[in-house]
Amino acid sequence: MRTEKELDFLEEHIPNLANSAIQKAYLDALSGGQSVVEAIDGELFEIFPDGHKVFIKNIAEDIPVETNKKIYIK
């Protein structure tokens, strides 16, 4: 069984691992000939393997959240 210190150390790496997995999935989709959808500055775009973007719609702005802070959406 792992100690609390070991678990804390491993948990610190979860955000980096998640970010790497998202980037890999994004690139895998494009390299496989598929398009991806991405939010850029309050707008939603479909991005194609050749690099061109097609506007889909405007979306709500990001909600800034501090690390370890809970927010509640009504």
Protein backbone atom coordinates (compact mmCIF):
# COMPACT_ATOMS: atom_id res chain seq x y z
CA MET A 1 0.00 0.00 0.00
CA ARG A 2 1.25 3.49 -0.85
CA THR A 3 1.91 6.12 1.75
CA GLU A 4 0.10 9.45 1.82
CA LYS A 5 3.33 11.16 0.72
CA GLU A 6 3.64 8.85 -2.32
CA LEU A 7 0.01 9.45 -3.29
CA ASP A 8 0.42 13.22 -2.97
CA PHE A 9 3.48 13.08 -5.22
CA LEU A 10 1.61 11.04 -7.86
CA GLU A 11 -1.46 13.29 -7.68
CA GLU A 12 0.69 16.35 -8.40
CA HIS A 13 1.39 14.91 -11.85
CA ILE A 14 -2.24 14.30 -12.86
CA PRO A 15 -2.75 17.74 -14.50
CA ASN A 16 0.38 17.31 -16.65
CA LEU A 17 -0.60 13.78 -17.63
CA ALA A 18 -4.13 14.91 -18.53
CA ASN A 19 -2.79 17.79 -20.63
CA SER A 20 -0.44 15.43 -22.49
CA ALA A 21 -3.29 12.99 -23.15
CA ILE A 22 -5.49 15.77 -24.56
CA GLN A 23 -2.72 17.03 -26.84
CA LYS A 24 -2.03 13.50 -28.07
CA ALA A 25 -5.72 12.85 -28.80
CA TYR A 26 -5.94 16.18 -30.67
CA LEU A 27 -2.93 15.35 -32.85
CA ASP A 28 -4.01 11.73 -33.34
CA ALA A 29 -7.40 12.88 -34.63
CA LEU A 30 -5.87 15.36 -37.08
CA SER A 31 -3.18 12.94 -38.27
CA GLY A 32 -5.91 10.32 -38.78
CA GLY A 33 -7.74 12.63 -41.16
CA GLN A 34 -10.44 13.67 -38.68
CA SER A 35 -11.46 17.18 -37.70
CA VAL A 36 -11.50 18.47 -34.12
CA VAL A 37 -13.59 21.12 -32.40
CA GLU A 38 -11.77 23.80 -30.41
CA ALA A 39 -12.83 26.83 -28.39
CA ILE A 40 -10.75 29.89 -29.25
CA ASP A 41 -11.42 33.28 -27.64
CA GLY A 42 -15.12 32.69 -27.04
CA GLU A 43 -15.77 31.08 -30.42
CA LEU A 44 -16.16 27.44 -31.40
CA PHE A 45 -14.28 26.24 -34.50
CA GLU A 46 -14.01 22.99 -36.40
CA ILE A 47 -10.35 22.51 -37.33
CA PHE A 48 -9.37 20.27 -40.22
CA PRO A 49 -6.17 18.29 -40.87
CA ASP A 50 -5.06 20.77 -43.55
CA GLY A 51 -5.17 23.56 -40.94
CA HIS A 52 -8.22 25.51 -42.05
CA LYS A 53 -10.87 26.47 -39.49
CA VAL A 54 -14.62 26.79 -39.86
CA PHE A 55 -16.53 28.97 -37.39
CA ILE A 56 -19.36 27.11 -35.66
CA LYS A 57 -20.77 29.57 -33.10
CA ASN A 58 -20.03 32.00 -30.29
CA ILE A 59 -19.83 30.50 -26.83
CA ALA A 60 -19.79 31.83 -23.26
CA GLU A 61 -16.49 33.23 -22.02
CA ASP A 62 -14.25 31.11 -19.81
CA ILE A 63 -14.87 31.23 -16.09
CA PRO A 64 -11.56 31.92 -14.33
CA VAL A 65 -11.08 29.49 -11.46
CA GLU A 66 -8.33 29.57 -8.87
CA THR A 67 -6.54 26.32 -8.10
CA ASN A 68 -8.27 24.36 -5.35
CA LYS A 69 -11.28 26.70 -5.36
CA LYS A 70 -14.79 25.36 -5.79
CA ILE A 71 -17.37 27.16 -7.91
CA TYR A 72 -21.05 26.45 -8.16
CA ILE A 73 -23.02 26.95 -11.36
CA LYS A 74 -26.72 27.61 -10.96
